[in-house]
Amino acid sequence: MIIIVTLIAIFNIMTSLDTTVPRGPLMPKPQPQPDDRRIDSKTLLGPEGRVIIEHDGQHYLLRQTHAGKLILTK
């Protein structure tokens, strides 16, 4: 029981330090628009199932997991 309470306290401290979480009113989830450009993930990822995306001089890896999910990492 003490371990659970301690883990909850640590989680609360860590999330309060997270500056990526917007403060104030919740931001609405972006919705796809009918005129948004679309590309099939198989075309984007190729037969390897992964692609490097360059954005503002930074490189990001977009890959498909074994479960079929997409993961974007820096």
N, C-alpha and C. Protein backbone atom coordinates (compact mmCIF):
# COMPACT_ATOMS: atom_id res chain seq x y z
N MET A 1 0.83 -1.20 0.00
CA MET A 1 0.00 0.00 0.00
C MET A 1 0.87 1.26 0.00
N ILE A 2 1.95 1.22 0.78
CA ILE A 2 2.84 2.38 0.84
C ILE A 2 3.50 2.60 -0.52
N ILE A 3 3.83 1.50 -1.21
CA ILE A 3 4.46 1.62 -2.52
C ILE A 3 3.52 2.31 -3.50
N ILE A 4 2.25 1.94 -3.48
CA ILE A 4 1.27 2.53 -4.39
C ILE A 4 1.12 4.02 -4.11
N VAL A 5 1.02 4.39 -2.84
CA VAL A 5 0.89 5.81 -2.48
C VAL A 5 2.13 6.58 -2.92
N THR A 6 3.30 5.98 -2.73
CA THR A 6 4.55 6.62 -3.14
C THR A 6 4.59 6.81 -4.65
N LEU A 7 4.20 5.78 -5.40
CA LEU A 7 4.19 5.88 -6.86
C LEU A 7 3.22 6.95 -7.33
N ILE A 8 2.06 7.05 -6.71
CA ILE A 8 1.09 8.08 -7.07
C ILE A 8 1.67 9.46 -6.78
N ALA A 9 2.34 9.62 -5.65
CA ALA A 9 2.94 10.91 -5.31
C ALA A 9 4.02 11.28 -6.31
N ILE A 10 4.85 10.32 -6.70
CA ILE A 10 5.91 10.58 -7.69
C ILE A 10 5.29 10.96 -9.03
N PHE A 11 4.25 10.24 -9.44
CA PHE A 11 3.57 10.55 -10.69
C PHE A 11 3.01 11.97 -10.66
N ASN A 12 2.38 12.35 -9.57
CA ASN A 12 1.81 13.70 -9.45
C ASN A 12 2.88 14.77 -9.52
N ILE A 13 4.02 14.53 -8.89
CA ILE A 13 5.12 15.49 -8.94
C ILE A 13 5.66 15.61 -10.36
N MET A 14 5.86 14.47 -11.03
CA MET A 14 6.41 14.49 -12.38
C MET A 14 5.46 15.16 -13.36
N THR A 15 4.17 14.92 -13.24
CA THR A 15 3.23 15.55 -14.18
C THR A 15 3.08 17.03 -13.89
N SER A 16 3.28 17.45 -12.64
CA SER A 16 3.20 18.88 -12.35
C SER A 16 4.41 19.62 -12.92
N LEU A 17 5.52 18.90 -13.15
CA LEU A 17 6.71 19.50 -13.73
C LEU A 17 6.69 19.48 -15.25
N ASP A 18 5.74 18.77 -15.83
CA ASP A 18 5.65 18.64 -17.29
C ASP A 18 5.15 19.94 -17.89
N THR A 19 6.03 20.64 -18.61
CA THR A 19 5.64 21.92 -19.21
C THR A 19 4.99 21.73 -20.57
N THR A 20 4.94 20.48 -21.07
CA THR A 20 4.30 20.25 -22.36
C THR A 20 2.79 20.16 -22.24
N VAL A 21 2.29 19.98 -21.02
CA VAL A 21 0.85 19.90 -20.81
C VAL A 21 0.30 21.31 -20.80
N PRO A 22 -0.66 21.61 -21.70
CA PRO A 22 -1.20 22.97 -21.73
C PRO A 22 -1.93 23.30 -20.43
N ARG A 23 -1.73 24.48 -19.95
CA ARG A 23 -2.41 24.95 -18.75
C ARG A 23 -3.60 25.80 -19.16
N GLY A 24 -4.58 25.88 -18.32
CA GLY A 24 -5.76 26.68 -18.63
C GLY A 24 -6.78 25.85 -19.37
N PRO A 25 -7.56 26.48 -20.25
CA PRO A 25 -8.61 25.74 -20.96
C PRO A 25 -8.02 24.63 -21.83
N LEU A 26 -8.73 23.52 -21.90
CA LEU A 26 -8.27 22.41 -22.71
C LEU A 26 -8.33 22.78 -24.19
N MET A 27 -7.30 22.38 -24.89
CA MET A 27 -7.25 22.65 -26.32
C MET A 27 -8.03 21.55 -27.04
N PRO A 28 -8.87 21.92 -28.01
CA PRO A 28 -9.64 20.89 -28.73
C PRO A 28 -8.71 20.03 -29.58
N LYS A 29 -9.08 18.77 -29.72
CA LYS A 29 -8.31 17.85 -30.54
C LYS A 29 -8.46 18.25 -32.00
N PRO A 30 -7.34 18.36 -32.72
CA PRO A 30 -7.44 18.76 -34.13
C PRO A 30 -8.21 17.71 -34.92
N GLN A 31 -9.06 18.17 -35.79
CA GLN A 31 -9.87 17.28 -36.62
C GLN A 31 -9.40 17.36 -38.07
N PRO A 32 -9.38 16.23 -38.78
CA PRO A 32 -9.01 16.28 -40.20
C PRO A 32 -10.04 17.09 -40.99
N GLN A 33 -9.54 17.84 -41.94
CA GLN A 33 -10.40 18.64 -42.81
C GLN A 33 -10.51 17.93 -44.16
N PRO A 34 -11.64 18.13 -44.86
CA PRO A 34 -11.82 17.44 -46.15
C PRO A 34 -10.73 17.77 -47.17
N ASP A 35 -10.14 18.96 -47.10
CA ASP A 35 -9.13 19.34 -48.08
C ASP A 35 -7.70 19.07 -47.60
N ASP A 36 -7.52 18.39 -46.46
CA ASP A 36 -6.17 18.03 -45.99
C ASP A 36 -5.54 17.03 -46.97
N ARG A 37 -4.24 17.19 -47.18
CA ARG A 37 -3.49 16.27 -48.04
C ARG A 37 -3.40 14.92 -47.34
N ARG A 38 -3.60 13.84 -48.06
CA ARG A 38 -3.54 12.50 -47.48
C ARG A 38 -2.51 11.67 -48.23
N ILE A 39 -1.81 10.82 -47.47
CA ILE A 39 -0.84 9.90 -48.08
C ILE A 39 -0.95 8.57 -47.33
N ASP A 40 -0.96 7.50 -48.08
CA ASP A 40 -1.06 6.17 -47.48
C ASP A 40 0.22 5.88 -46.69
N SER A 41 0.07 5.30 -45.51
CA SER A 41 1.25 5.06 -44.66
C SER A 41 2.23 4.10 -45.32
N LYS A 42 1.75 3.14 -46.09
CA LYS A 42 2.66 2.21 -46.77
C LYS A 42 3.50 2.94 -47.81
N THR A 43 2.91 3.94 -48.46
CA THR A 43 3.66 4.75 -49.43
C THR A 43 4.69 5.59 -48.70
N LEU A 44 4.31 6.17 -47.57
CA LEU A 44 5.20 7.03 -46.80
C LEU A 44 6.35 6.24 -46.18
N LEU A 45 6.05 5.10 -45.58
CA LEU A 45 7.06 4.33 -44.84
C LEU A 45 7.88 3.41 -45.72
N GLY A 46 7.36 3.06 -46.89
CA GLY A 46 8.07 2.16 -47.79
C GLY A 46 8.10 0.74 -47.25
N PRO A 47 8.79 -0.15 -47.95
CA PRO A 47 8.81 -1.56 -47.53
C PRO A 47 9.54 -1.78 -46.20
N GLU A 48 10.39 -0.82 -45.81
CA GLU A 48 11.13 -0.96 -44.54
C GLU A 48 10.24 -0.66 -43.34
N GLY A 49 9.14 0.07 -43.56
CA GLY A 49 8.25 0.42 -42.46
C GLY A 49 8.78 1.57 -41.61
N ARG A 50 9.67 2.37 -42.19
CA ARG A 50 10.24 3.49 -41.44
C ARG A 50 10.72 4.56 -42.41
N VAL A 51 10.71 5.81 -41.93
CA VAL A 51 11.18 6.92 -42.74
C VAL A 51 11.72 8.00 -41.81
N ILE A 52 12.77 8.68 -42.25
CA ILE A 52 13.32 9.82 -41.52
C ILE A 52 12.63 11.08 -42.04
N ILE A 53 12.12 11.89 -41.16
CA ILE A 53 11.48 13.15 -41.52
C ILE A 53 12.37 14.27 -41.00
N GLU A 54 12.76 15.19 -41.89
CA GLU A 54 13.55 16.35 -41.49
C GLU A 54 12.61 17.53 -41.31
N HIS A 55 12.68 18.17 -40.15
CA HIS A 55 11.82 19.31 -39.83
C HIS A 55 12.65 20.35 -39.09
N ASP A 56 12.78 21.54 -39.68
CA ASP A 56 13.56 22.63 -39.08
C ASP A 56 14.96 22.18 -38.66
N GLY A 57 15.61 21.38 -39.50
CA GLY A 57 16.97 20.93 -39.22
C GLY A 57 17.06 19.77 -38.25
N GLN A 58 15.95 19.31 -37.73
CA GLN A 58 15.93 18.17 -36.81
C GLN A 58 15.47 16.93 -37.56
N HIS A 59 15.96 15.77 -37.15
CA HIS A 59 15.57 14.52 -37.78
C HIS A 59 14.67 13.72 -36.84
N TYR A 60 13.59 13.20 -37.40
CA TYR A 60 12.62 12.40 -36.65
C TYR A 60 12.45 11.08 -37.38
N LEU A 61 12.30 10.00 -36.61
CA LEU A 61 12.08 8.69 -37.19
C LEU A 61 10.61 8.33 -37.00
N LEU A 62 9.91 8.09 -38.11
CA LEU A 62 8.53 7.60 -38.07
C LEU A 62 8.60 6.14 -38.47
N ARG A 63 8.10 5.27 -37.59
CA ARG A 63 8.16 3.84 -37.87
C ARG A 63 6.87 3.15 -37.46
N GLN A 64 6.64 2.02 -38.08
CA GLN A 64 5.48 1.21 -37.75
C GLN A 64 5.91 0.09 -36.82
N THR A 65 5.15 -0.12 -35.74
CA THR A 65 5.46 -1.18 -34.80
C THR A 65 4.94 -2.52 -35.33
N HIS A 66 5.31 -3.59 -34.65
CA HIS A 66 4.80 -4.91 -35.02
C HIS A 66 3.29 -4.99 -34.87
N ALA A 67 2.74 -4.16 -33.98
CA ALA A 67 1.29 -4.14 -33.76
C ALA A 67 0.56 -3.25 -34.77
N GLY A 68 1.33 -2.61 -35.68
CA GLY A 68 0.71 -1.78 -36.70
C GLY A 68 0.51 -0.33 -36.30
N LYS A 69 1.01 0.07 -35.13
CA LYS A 69 0.89 1.46 -34.67
C LYS A 69 2.05 2.27 -35.25
N LEU A 70 1.87 3.60 -35.29
CA LEU A 70 2.93 4.49 -35.75
C LEU A 70 3.57 5.18 -34.56
N ILE A 71 4.92 5.22 -34.56
CA ILE A 71 5.68 5.87 -33.50
C ILE A 71 6.59 6.91 -34.14
N LEU A 72 6.57 8.15 -33.62
CA LEU A 72 7.45 9.21 -34.09
C LEU A 72 8.41 9.54 -32.95
N THR A 73 9.72 9.40 -33.22
CA THR A 73 10.73 9.69 -32.20
C THR A 73 11.75 10.66 -32.78
N LYS A 74 12.36 11.41 -31.88
CA LYS A 74 13.39 12.38 -32.29
C LYS A 74 14.75 11.72 -32.20
